């Protein structure tokens, strides 16, 4: 009888002492792999390409993401200013070449917090205008970094616990092929 009481006492103590974090939907938030906060800044290496029959382009440099606003509506949408510095090369396979240097070229991304614990990220994409991927936000894992295969299967994204996106490689092909790659340099900073 003493052993049973000891075991029950130990279980009650563990239940009381173990922290329980829940998000609004009542799901456990073991790790936030995609923290979102207005004012946060990230710096990424950026590479984008486009090909079609006899032409191609390459955009390469660094970009900074700054979370500039958060909507009051549901679903919550964060607007992110992307400032790009680097170069753009345009190449006709017939011999015509153009290049442009960009300094602080501004575009907008968005992070939409969905009701199922995921976040849809919309980002600029050569030729197609923009593209969207969805990441799990709260993950029960002891890993610092976790990576996902995104739809379609050739695409990939990596998240770091309490940091956010460390890598996003996304391609889309039809008659035209475009790809974008972000690789984290530093962040978040406030």
N, C-alpha and C. Protein backbone atom coordinates (compact mmCIF):
# COMPACT_ATOMS: atom_id res chain seq x y z
N UNK A 1 0.81 -1.18 0.00
CA UNK A 1 0.00 0.00 0.00
C UNK A 1 0.87 1.26 0.00
N UNK A 2 2.00 1.22 0.79
CA UNK A 2 2.91 2.35 0.82
C UNK A 2 3.48 2.63 -0.57
N UNK A 3 3.81 1.57 -1.31
CA UNK A 3 4.37 1.75 -2.65
C UNK A 3 3.38 2.42 -3.58
N UNK A 4 2.12 2.03 -3.49
CA UNK A 4 1.08 2.62 -4.36
C UNK A 4 0.92 4.10 -4.02
N UNK A 5 0.89 4.43 -2.73
CA UNK A 5 0.76 5.84 -2.32
C UNK A 5 1.99 6.65 -2.75
N UNK A 6 3.15 6.04 -2.67
CA UNK A 6 4.38 6.73 -3.11
C UNK A 6 4.34 7.01 -4.61
N UNK A 7 3.91 6.03 -5.37
CA UNK A 7 3.81 6.20 -6.83
C UNK A 7 2.78 7.27 -7.17
N UNK A 8 1.63 7.23 -6.52
CA UNK A 8 0.57 8.23 -6.78
C UNK A 8 1.08 9.62 -6.39
N UNK A 9 1.76 9.74 -5.25
CA UNK A 9 2.30 11.03 -4.82
C UNK A 9 3.32 11.56 -5.83
N UNK A 10 4.16 10.69 -6.32
CA UNK A 10 5.16 11.08 -7.31
C UNK A 10 4.49 11.56 -8.60
N UNK A 11 3.46 10.85 -9.05
CA UNK A 11 2.74 11.24 -10.27
C UNK A 11 2.05 12.59 -10.09
N UNK A 12 1.43 12.80 -8.95
CA UNK A 12 0.78 14.10 -8.68
C UNK A 12 1.82 15.21 -8.67
N UNK A 13 2.94 14.97 -8.05
CA UNK A 13 4.01 15.97 -8.00
C UNK A 13 4.51 16.30 -9.40
N UNK A 14 4.73 15.30 -10.23
CA UNK A 14 5.18 15.52 -11.60
C UNK A 14 4.16 16.33 -12.41
N UNK A 15 2.90 15.99 -12.24
CA UNK A 15 1.84 16.70 -12.97
C UNK A 15 1.81 18.17 -12.56
N UNK A 16 1.98 18.45 -11.28
CA UNK A 16 1.96 19.82 -10.79
C UNK A 16 3.19 20.59 -11.25
N UNK A 17 4.34 19.94 -11.25
CA UNK A 17 5.59 20.63 -11.57
C UNK A 17 5.88 20.76 -13.05
N UNK A 18 5.34 19.89 -13.88
CA UNK A 18 5.62 19.97 -15.31
C UNK A 18 4.88 21.16 -15.91
N UNK A 19 5.61 22.05 -16.59
CA UNK A 19 4.94 23.19 -17.20
C UNK A 19 4.10 22.72 -18.39
N UNK A 20 2.98 23.36 -18.56
CA UNK A 20 2.09 23.02 -19.67
C UNK A 20 1.79 24.29 -20.44
N UNK A 21 2.35 24.39 -21.63
CA UNK A 21 2.12 25.55 -22.48
C UNK A 21 1.11 25.15 -23.54
N UNK A 22 0.10 25.96 -23.68
CA UNK A 22 -0.92 25.69 -24.70
C UNK A 22 -1.11 26.92 -25.55
N UNK A 23 -1.34 26.72 -26.86
CA UNK A 23 -1.69 27.85 -27.71
C UNK A 23 -3.19 28.06 -27.65
N UNK A 24 -3.71 29.01 -28.40
CA UNK A 24 -5.12 29.36 -28.35
C UNK A 24 -6.03 28.19 -28.70
N UNK A 25 -5.57 27.28 -29.51
CA UNK A 25 -6.38 26.14 -29.90
C UNK A 25 -6.27 25.00 -28.90
N UNK A 26 -5.48 25.17 -27.83
CA UNK A 26 -5.34 24.13 -26.82
C UNK A 26 -4.28 23.10 -27.16
N UNK A 27 -3.51 23.32 -28.23
CA UNK A 27 -2.45 22.38 -28.59
C UNK A 27 -1.18 22.74 -27.81
N UNK A 28 -0.40 21.74 -27.48
CA UNK A 28 0.84 22.00 -26.77
C UNK A 28 1.83 22.71 -27.69
N UNK A 29 2.47 23.74 -27.14
CA UNK A 29 3.50 24.47 -27.88
C UNK A 29 4.86 24.04 -27.34
N UNK A 30 5.30 22.90 -27.76
CA UNK A 30 6.58 22.41 -27.26
C UNK A 30 7.71 23.31 -27.73
N UNK A 31 7.74 23.63 -29.01
CA UNK A 31 8.77 24.49 -29.57
C UNK A 31 8.17 25.38 -30.64
N UNK A 32 8.48 26.65 -30.60
CA UNK A 32 8.04 27.58 -31.63
C UNK A 32 9.17 27.68 -32.66
N UNK A 33 8.98 27.04 -33.81
CA UNK A 33 9.98 27.04 -34.86
C UNK A 33 9.81 28.20 -35.83
N UNK A 34 8.75 28.98 -35.67
CA UNK A 34 8.52 30.11 -36.57
C UNK A 34 7.97 31.29 -35.77
N UNK A 35 8.81 31.87 -34.87
CA UNK A 35 8.33 32.99 -34.07
C UNK A 35 8.09 34.21 -34.96
N UNK A 36 7.01 34.91 -34.71
CA UNK A 36 6.64 36.06 -35.51
C UNK A 36 6.48 37.26 -34.59
N UNK A 37 7.17 38.36 -34.92
CA UNK A 37 7.10 39.54 -34.06
C UNK A 37 7.41 40.78 -34.89
N UNK A 38 6.53 41.77 -34.79
CA UNK A 38 6.75 43.04 -35.47
C UNK A 38 8.04 43.65 -34.94
N UNK A 39 8.89 44.13 -35.84
CA UNK A 39 10.17 44.71 -35.48
C UNK A 39 11.34 43.76 -35.68
N UNK A 40 11.08 42.45 -35.80
CA UNK A 40 12.16 41.48 -35.99
C UNK A 40 12.81 41.67 -37.36
N UNK A 41 14.14 41.52 -37.42
CA UNK A 41 14.89 41.64 -38.67
C UNK A 41 15.73 40.38 -38.87
N UNK A 42 15.81 39.97 -40.13
CA UNK A 42 16.61 38.82 -40.53
C UNK A 42 17.42 39.22 -41.76
N UNK A 43 18.61 38.64 -41.90
CA UNK A 43 19.42 38.86 -43.10
C UNK A 43 19.66 37.50 -43.77
N UNK A 44 19.45 37.45 -45.11
CA UNK A 44 19.57 36.21 -45.88
C UNK A 44 20.46 36.41 -47.11
N UNK A 45 21.18 35.34 -47.48
CA UNK A 45 21.72 35.26 -48.84
C UNK A 45 20.53 34.96 -49.73
N UNK A 46 20.49 35.57 -50.90
CA UNK A 46 19.34 35.43 -51.79
C UNK A 46 19.83 35.06 -53.18
N UNK A 47 19.17 34.08 -53.77
CA UNK A 47 19.47 33.66 -55.14
C UNK A 47 18.15 33.33 -55.83
N UNK A 48 17.93 33.93 -56.99
CA UNK A 48 16.72 33.65 -57.76
C UNK A 48 17.12 33.49 -59.22
N UNK A 49 16.45 32.58 -59.92
CA UNK A 49 16.75 32.38 -61.34
C UNK A 49 15.46 32.14 -62.11
N UNK A 50 15.58 32.35 -63.42
CA UNK A 50 14.45 32.19 -64.34
C UNK A 50 15.01 31.70 -65.67
N UNK A 51 14.36 30.72 -66.27
CA UNK A 51 14.76 30.26 -67.61
C UNK A 51 13.52 30.01 -68.46
N UNK A 52 13.69 30.29 -69.74
CA UNK A 52 12.65 30.02 -70.73
C UNK A 52 13.31 29.97 -72.10
N UNK A 53 13.21 28.87 -72.75
CA UNK A 53 13.74 28.62 -74.09
C UNK A 53 15.11 29.26 -74.28
N UNK A 54 15.17 30.49 -74.84
CA UNK A 54 16.46 31.11 -75.18
C UNK A 54 16.83 32.27 -74.26
N UNK A 55 16.23 32.34 -73.11
CA UNK A 55 16.57 33.43 -72.20
C UNK A 55 16.68 32.92 -70.77
N UNK A 56 17.43 33.67 -69.96
CA UNK A 56 17.57 33.32 -68.56
C UNK A 56 17.92 34.57 -67.76
N UNK A 57 17.69 34.51 -66.45
CA UNK A 57 18.11 35.59 -65.57
C UNK A 57 18.57 35.01 -64.25
N UNK A 58 19.40 35.77 -63.58
CA UNK A 58 19.93 35.38 -62.28
C UNK A 58 19.96 36.63 -61.40
N UNK A 59 19.43 36.52 -60.20
CA UNK A 59 19.46 37.60 -59.22
C UNK A 59 20.17 37.05 -58.00
N UNK A 60 21.21 37.76 -57.54
CA UNK A 60 22.02 37.24 -56.44
C UNK A 60 22.46 38.38 -55.54
N UNK A 61 22.41 38.14 -54.24
CA UNK A 61 22.86 39.15 -53.29
C UNK A 61 22.39 38.83 -51.89
N UNK A 62 22.12 39.88 -51.12
CA UNK A 62 21.62 39.74 -49.75
C UNK A 62 20.32 40.50 -49.61
N UNK A 63 19.45 39.98 -48.78
CA UNK A 63 18.22 40.70 -48.50
C UNK A 63 17.97 40.71 -47.00
N UNK A 64 17.27 41.74 -46.57
CA UNK A 64 16.89 41.88 -45.18
C UNK A 64 15.38 41.84 -45.09
N UNK A 65 14.87 41.03 -44.18
CA UNK A 65 13.44 41.00 -43.89
C UNK A 65 13.22 41.80 -42.61
N UNK A 66 12.24 42.70 -42.65
CA UNK A 66 11.84 43.43 -41.46
C UNK A 66 10.33 43.28 -41.31
N UNK A 67 9.90 42.70 -40.20
CA UNK A 67 8.47 42.54 -39.91
C UNK A 67 7.93 43.92 -39.56
N UNK A 68 7.07 44.48 -40.44
CA UNK A 68 6.65 45.87 -40.28
C UNK A 68 5.24 46.04 -39.73
N UNK A 69 4.37 45.02 -39.86
CA UNK A 69 3.02 45.18 -39.33
C UNK A 69 2.36 43.83 -39.08
N UNK A 70 1.29 43.88 -38.28
CA UNK A 70 0.50 42.70 -37.94
C UNK A 70 -0.96 43.11 -38.02
N UNK A 71 -1.76 42.34 -38.75
CA UNK A 71 -3.18 42.69 -38.89
C UNK A 71 -3.93 42.41 -37.60
N UNK A 72 -5.02 43.12 -37.40
CA UNK A 72 -5.87 42.90 -36.24
C UNK A 72 -6.93 41.84 -36.54
N UNK A 73 -7.12 41.52 -37.82
CA UNK A 73 -8.13 40.56 -38.25
C UNK A 73 -7.64 39.13 -38.09
N UNK A 74 -8.58 38.20 -38.19
CA UNK A 74 -8.25 36.78 -38.22
C UNK A 74 -8.51 36.28 -39.63
N UNK A 75 -7.61 35.54 -40.26
CA UNK A 75 -6.32 35.13 -39.73
C UNK A 75 -5.35 36.31 -39.65
N UNK A 76 -4.44 36.23 -38.69
CA UNK A 76 -3.44 37.28 -38.50
C UNK A 76 -2.43 37.20 -39.64
N UNK A 77 -2.14 38.36 -40.25
CA UNK A 77 -1.18 38.44 -41.33
C UNK A 77 -0.09 39.44 -40.95
N UNK A 78 1.16 38.98 -41.02
CA UNK A 78 2.31 39.85 -40.80
C UNK A 78 2.83 40.29 -42.16
N UNK A 79 3.05 41.60 -42.32
CA UNK A 79 3.66 42.13 -43.55
C UNK A 79 5.15 42.28 -43.28
N UNK A 80 5.95 41.87 -44.25
CA UNK A 80 7.40 41.89 -44.11
C UNK A 80 8.00 42.65 -45.30
N UNK A 81 8.82 43.65 -45.00
CA UNK A 81 9.52 44.39 -46.04
C UNK A 81 10.82 43.66 -46.36
N UNK A 82 11.01 43.33 -47.63
CA UNK A 82 12.25 42.70 -48.08
C UNK A 82 13.06 43.75 -48.82
N UNK A 83 14.25 44.02 -48.32
CA UNK A 83 15.16 44.98 -48.95
C UNK A 83 16.33 44.19 -49.56
N UNK A 84 16.47 44.26 -50.89
CA UNK A 84 17.48 43.47 -51.61
C UNK A 84 18.61 44.36 -52.10
N UNK A 85 19.84 43.91 -51.89
CA UNK A 85 21.02 44.54 -52.46
C UNK A 85 21.83 43.45 -53.15
N UNK A 86 22.13 43.67 -54.42
CA UNK A 86 22.88 42.68 -55.20
C UNK A 86 22.81 43.01 -56.67
N UNK A 87 22.88 41.98 -57.50
CA UNK A 87 22.86 42.23 -58.93
C UNK A 87 21.88 41.32 -59.65
N UNK A 88 21.50 41.76 -60.82
CA UNK A 88 20.57 41.04 -61.69
C UNK A 88 21.26 40.89 -63.04
N UNK A 89 21.32 39.68 -63.54
CA UNK A 89 21.90 39.41 -64.86
C UNK A 89 20.82 38.83 -65.76
N UNK A 90 20.68 39.42 -66.94
CA UNK A 90 19.71 38.92 -67.91
C UNK A 90 20.50 38.47 -69.13
N UNK A 91 20.17 37.29 -69.66
CA UNK A 91 20.98 36.70 -70.71
C UNK A 91 20.10 36.05 -71.76
N UNK A 92 20.13 36.60 -72.96
CA UNK A 92 19.58 35.87 -74.10
C UNK A 92 20.65 34.91 -74.55
N UNK A 93 20.28 33.68 -74.83
CA UNK A 93 21.28 32.73 -75.32
C UNK A 93 21.83 33.15 -76.67
N UNK A 94 21.18 34.11 -77.30
CA UNK A 94 21.65 34.59 -78.61
C UNK A 94 22.79 35.58 -78.49
N UNK A 95 23.24 35.88 -77.27
CA UNK A 95 24.40 36.75 -77.10
C UNK A 95 24.12 38.07 -76.41
N UNK A 96 22.88 38.44 -76.20
CA UNK A 96 22.57 39.71 -75.53
C UNK A 96 22.66 39.50 -74.02
N UNK A 97 23.39 40.38 -73.35
CA UNK A 97 23.56 40.30 -71.90
C UNK A 97 23.28 41.66 -71.29
N UNK A 98 22.51 41.68 -70.23
CA UNK A 98 22.25 42.91 -69.47
C UNK A 98 22.51 42.63 -68.01
N UNK A 99 23.02 43.63 -67.29
CA UNK A 99 23.18 43.47 -65.84
C UNK A 99 22.78 44.77 -65.15
N UNK A 100 22.27 44.61 -63.94
CA UNK A 100 21.83 45.74 -63.14
C UNK A 100 22.25 45.51 -61.70
N UNK A 101 22.74 46.56 -61.06
CA UNK A 101 23.06 46.49 -59.63
C UNK A 101 21.91 47.13 -58.86
N UNK A 102 21.41 46.45 -57.83
CA UNK A 102 20.33 46.97 -57.02
C UNK A 102 20.84 47.31 -55.63
N UNK A 103 20.37 48.41 -55.09
CA UNK A 103 20.68 48.83 -53.74
C UNK A 103 19.36 49.09 -53.03
N UNK A 104 19.03 48.27 -52.03
CA UNK A 104 17.80 48.42 -51.24
C UNK A 104 16.53 48.40 -52.10
N UNK A 105 16.42 47.43 -53.00
CA UNK A 105 15.19 47.25 -53.77
C UNK A 105 14.14 46.63 -52.83
N UNK A 106 12.98 47.26 -52.74
CA UNK A 106 11.96 46.86 -51.76
C UNK A 106 10.87 46.02 -52.41
N UNK A 107 10.49 44.94 -51.73
CA UNK A 107 9.32 44.13 -52.08
C UNK A 107 8.68 43.69 -50.77
N UNK A 108 7.49 43.08 -50.86
CA UNK A 108 6.74 42.71 -49.66
C UNK A 108 6.49 41.20 -49.62
N UNK A 109 6.69 40.61 -48.46
CA UNK A 109 6.33 39.22 -48.18
C UNK A 109 5.21 39.25 -47.15
N UNK A 110 4.55 38.11 -46.96
CA UNK A 110 3.56 38.02 -45.88
C UNK A 110 3.63 36.66 -45.21
N UNK A 111 3.31 36.65 -43.93
CA UNK A 111 3.22 35.45 -43.12
C UNK A 111 1.80 35.41 -42.57
N UNK A 112 1.01 34.44 -43.01
CA UNK A 112 -0.38 34.32 -42.59
C UNK A 112 -0.51 33.17 -41.59
N UNK A 113 -0.92 33.51 -40.36
CA UNK A 113 -1.06 32.51 -39.30
C UNK A 113 -2.41 31.82 -39.48
N UNK A 114 -2.38 30.54 -39.79
CA UNK A 114 -3.59 29.78 -40.05
C UNK A 114 -4.08 29.11 -38.76
N UNK A 115 -5.35 28.75 -38.72
CA UNK A 115 -5.97 28.21 -37.50
C UNK A 115 -5.46 26.83 -37.11
N UNK A 116 -4.77 26.13 -38.00
CA UNK A 116 -4.33 24.76 -37.69
C UNK A 116 -2.89 24.70 -37.17
N UNK A 117 -2.33 25.84 -36.74
CA UNK A 117 -0.97 25.85 -36.21
C UNK A 117 0.10 25.96 -37.27
N UNK A 118 -0.30 26.24 -38.52
CA UNK A 118 0.66 26.42 -39.60
C UNK A 118 0.72 27.90 -39.99
N UNK A 119 1.76 28.24 -40.74
CA UNK A 119 1.95 29.60 -41.24
C UNK A 119 2.21 29.52 -42.74
N UNK A 120 1.42 30.27 -43.52
CA UNK A 120 1.61 30.34 -44.98
C UNK A 120 2.49 31.55 -45.28
N UNK A 121 3.60 31.31 -45.95
CA UNK A 121 4.56 32.36 -46.29
C UNK A 121 4.44 32.64 -47.80
N UNK A 122 4.16 33.90 -48.15
CA UNK A 122 4.08 34.31 -49.55
C UNK A 122 5.29 35.19 -49.84
N UNK A 123 6.02 34.88 -50.93
CA UNK A 123 7.26 35.57 -51.24
C UNK A 123 7.35 35.82 -52.75
N UNK A 124 8.17 36.83 -53.17
CA UNK A 124 8.33 37.12 -54.60
C UNK A 124 8.99 35.95 -55.33
N UNK A 125 8.57 35.73 -56.57
CA UNK A 125 9.10 34.64 -57.40
C UNK A 125 9.28 35.17 -58.82
N UNK A 126 10.48 35.02 -59.41
CA UNK A 126 10.67 35.51 -60.78
C UNK A 126 9.63 34.90 -61.74
N UNK A 127 9.18 35.70 -62.66
CA UNK A 127 8.20 35.39 -63.69
C UNK A 127 6.81 35.18 -63.13
N UNK A 128 6.64 34.36 -62.09
CA UNK A 128 5.32 34.01 -61.56
C UNK A 128 4.77 35.11 -60.67
N UNK A 129 5.56 36.07 -60.29
CA UNK A 129 5.10 37.14 -59.40
C UNK A 129 5.28 36.80 -57.94
N UNK A 130 4.69 35.71 -57.51
CA UNK A 130 4.82 35.29 -56.12
C UNK A 130 4.50 33.82 -55.98
N UNK A 131 4.88 33.28 -54.84
CA UNK A 131 4.59 31.89 -54.54
C UNK A 131 4.31 31.77 -53.05
N UNK A 132 3.70 30.65 -52.65
CA UNK A 132 3.31 30.46 -51.25
C UNK A 132 3.67 29.05 -50.80
N UNK A 133 4.24 28.97 -49.58
CA UNK A 133 4.50 27.67 -48.94
C UNK A 133 3.94 27.73 -47.52
N UNK A 134 3.65 26.56 -46.96
CA UNK A 134 3.10 26.48 -45.62
C UNK A 134 4.03 25.67 -44.73
N UNK A 135 4.35 26.23 -43.56
CA UNK A 135 5.22 25.59 -42.58
C UNK A 135 4.43 25.25 -41.32
N UNK A 136 4.81 24.14 -40.68
CA UNK A 136 4.35 23.86 -39.32
C UNK A 136 5.04 24.88 -38.42
N UNK A 137 4.32 25.40 -37.45
CA UNK A 137 4.92 26.38 -36.55
C UNK A 137 5.36 25.76 -35.22
N UNK A 138 4.50 25.01 -34.57
CA UNK A 138 4.78 24.41 -33.27
C UNK A 138 5.07 22.93 -33.47
N UNK A 139 6.27 22.52 -33.08
CA UNK A 139 6.70 21.15 -33.34
C UNK A 139 7.18 20.51 -32.05
N UNK A 140 6.73 19.32 -31.79
CA UNK A 140 7.20 18.58 -30.63
C UNK A 140 8.48 17.84 -31.02
N UNK A 141 9.61 18.45 -30.72
CA UNK A 141 10.89 17.89 -31.12
C UNK A 141 11.97 18.42 -30.19
N UNK A 142 13.04 17.64 -30.03
CA UNK A 142 14.18 18.12 -29.27
C UNK A 142 15.27 18.64 -30.19
N UNK A 143 15.02 18.67 -31.50
CA UNK A 143 15.99 19.17 -32.47
C UNK A 143 16.01 20.69 -32.46
N UNK A 144 17.18 21.27 -32.70
CA UNK A 144 17.28 22.71 -32.86
C UNK A 144 16.79 23.10 -34.25
N UNK A 145 17.17 22.31 -35.26
CA UNK A 145 16.78 22.58 -36.65
C UNK A 145 15.91 21.44 -37.17
N UNK A 146 14.94 21.80 -37.98
CA UNK A 146 14.10 20.80 -38.63
C UNK A 146 13.82 21.25 -40.05
N UNK A 147 13.79 20.31 -40.97
CA UNK A 147 13.56 20.64 -42.38
C UNK A 147 12.33 19.89 -42.89
N UNK A 148 11.68 20.49 -43.89
CA UNK A 148 10.48 19.94 -44.48
C UNK A 148 10.64 19.83 -45.98
N UNK A 149 10.05 18.81 -46.54
CA UNK A 149 9.85 18.77 -47.98
C UNK A 149 8.53 19.46 -48.23
N UNK A 150 8.55 20.43 -49.12
CA UNK A 150 7.35 21.22 -49.40
C UNK A 150 6.74 20.73 -50.69
N UNK A 151 5.49 21.06 -50.91
CA UNK A 151 4.80 20.60 -52.11
C UNK A 151 5.07 21.56 -53.26
N UNK A 152 5.46 21.19 -54.44
CA UNK A 152 5.82 19.84 -54.84
C UNK A 152 7.13 19.38 -54.21
N UNK A 153 7.43 18.11 -54.32
CA UNK A 153 8.49 17.44 -53.58
C UNK A 153 9.88 18.03 -53.77
N UNK A 154 10.15 18.70 -54.87
CA UNK A 154 11.50 19.23 -55.11
C UNK A 154 11.83 20.42 -54.22
N UNK A 155 10.86 20.95 -53.50
CA UNK A 155 11.07 22.14 -52.68
C UNK A 155 11.33 21.78 -51.23
N UNK A 156 12.06 22.67 -50.54
CA UNK A 156 12.49 22.36 -49.18
C UNK A 156 12.56 23.64 -48.35
N UNK A 157 12.26 23.49 -47.08
CA UNK A 157 12.38 24.60 -46.13
C UNK A 157 12.91 24.10 -44.82
N UNK A 158 13.73 24.91 -44.16
CA UNK A 158 14.29 24.54 -42.86
C UNK A 158 13.98 25.64 -41.85
N UNK A 159 13.65 25.21 -40.63
CA UNK A 159 13.34 26.11 -39.54
C UNK A 159 14.27 25.83 -38.37
N UNK A 160 14.54 26.89 -37.59
CA UNK A 160 15.33 26.73 -36.36
C UNK A 160 14.47 27.17 -35.19
N UNK A 161 14.49 26.37 -34.14
CA UNK A 161 13.71 26.64 -32.94
C UNK A 161 13.97 28.06 -32.44
N UNK A 162 12.91 28.80 -32.18
CA UNK A 162 12.95 30.17 -31.66
C UNK A 162 13.66 31.16 -32.58
N UNK A 163 13.93 30.77 -33.83
CA UNK A 163 14.56 31.66 -34.81
C UNK A 163 13.63 31.89 -35.98
N UNK A 164 13.30 30.82 -36.70
CA UNK A 164 12.44 30.92 -37.88
C UNK A 164 13.07 30.25 -39.07
N UNK A 165 12.83 30.80 -40.26
CA UNK A 165 13.29 30.20 -41.51
C UNK A 165 14.80 30.36 -41.64
N UNK A 166 15.50 29.23 -41.77
CA UNK A 166 16.95 29.27 -42.01
C UNK A 166 17.27 28.98 -43.47
N UNK A 167 16.37 28.28 -44.15
CA UNK A 167 16.56 28.00 -45.57
C UNK A 167 15.20 27.78 -46.22
N UNK A 168 15.05 28.36 -47.39
CA UNK A 168 13.86 28.14 -48.20
C UNK A 168 14.32 28.03 -49.64
N UNK A 169 14.15 26.85 -50.23
CA UNK A 169 14.51 26.61 -51.63
C UNK A 169 13.24 26.19 -52.35
N UNK A 170 12.82 27.01 -53.31
CA UNK A 170 11.55 26.76 -53.97
C UNK A 170 11.69 26.95 -55.48
N UNK A 171 11.20 25.99 -56.25
CA UNK A 171 11.21 26.04 -57.71
C UNK A 171 9.83 25.77 -58.26
N UNK A 172 9.54 26.39 -59.39
CA UNK A 172 8.27 26.16 -60.07
C UNK A 172 8.55 26.13 -61.57
N UNK A 173 8.14 25.04 -62.21
CA UNK A 173 8.41 24.88 -63.64
C UNK A 173 7.15 24.54 -64.41
N UNK A 174 7.02 25.12 -65.56
CA UNK A 174 6.02 24.82 -66.57
C UNK A 174 6.79 25.03 -67.87
N UNK A 175 6.30 25.89 -68.73
CA UNK A 175 7.11 26.32 -69.87
C UNK A 175 8.27 27.19 -69.40
N UNK A 176 8.02 27.94 -68.32
CA UNK A 176 9.03 28.79 -67.70
C UNK A 176 9.44 28.13 -66.38
N UNK A 177 10.70 28.21 -66.03
CA UNK A 177 11.17 27.69 -64.74
C UNK A 177 11.73 28.84 -63.91
N UNK A 178 11.31 28.89 -62.66
CA UNK A 178 11.81 29.90 -61.73
C UNK A 178 12.20 29.22 -60.43
N UNK A 179 13.18 29.79 -59.77
CA UNK A 179 13.57 29.27 -58.46
C UNK A 179 14.02 30.42 -57.57
N UNK A 180 13.87 30.20 -56.28
CA UNK A 180 14.26 31.17 -55.26
C UNK A 180 14.91 30.41 -54.12
N UNK A 181 15.97 30.97 -53.55
CA UNK A 181 16.61 30.35 -52.39
C UNK A 181 17.01 31.43 -51.39
N UNK A 182 16.56 31.25 -50.15
CA UNK A 182 16.96 32.11 -49.03
C UNK A 182 17.79 31.27 -48.08
N UNK A 183 18.95 31.76 -47.65
CA UNK A 183 19.78 31.09 -46.64
C UNK A 183 20.13 32.10 -45.54
N UNK A 184 19.77 31.78 -44.32
CA UNK A 184 19.94 32.71 -43.21
C UNK A 184 21.41 33.06 -42.95
N UNK A 185 21.68 34.35 -42.83
CA UNK A 185 22.99 34.85 -42.43
C UNK A 185 22.97 35.18 -40.93
N UNK A 186 21.92 35.97 -40.53
CA UNK A 186 21.78 36.33 -39.12
C UNK A 186 20.35 36.76 -38.81
N UNK A 187 20.01 36.64 -37.55
CA UNK A 187 18.70 37.06 -37.11
C UNK A 187 18.08 36.00 -36.22
N UNK A 188 17.03 36.36 -35.54
CA UNK A 188 16.38 37.66 -35.57
C UNK A 188 17.09 38.67 -34.67
N UNK A 189 16.98 39.94 -35.05
CA UNK A 189 17.43 41.04 -34.21
C UNK A 189 16.28 42.02 -34.10
N UNK A 190 16.31 42.89 -33.11
CA UNK A 190 15.21 43.83 -32.88
C UNK A 190 15.75 45.24 -32.78
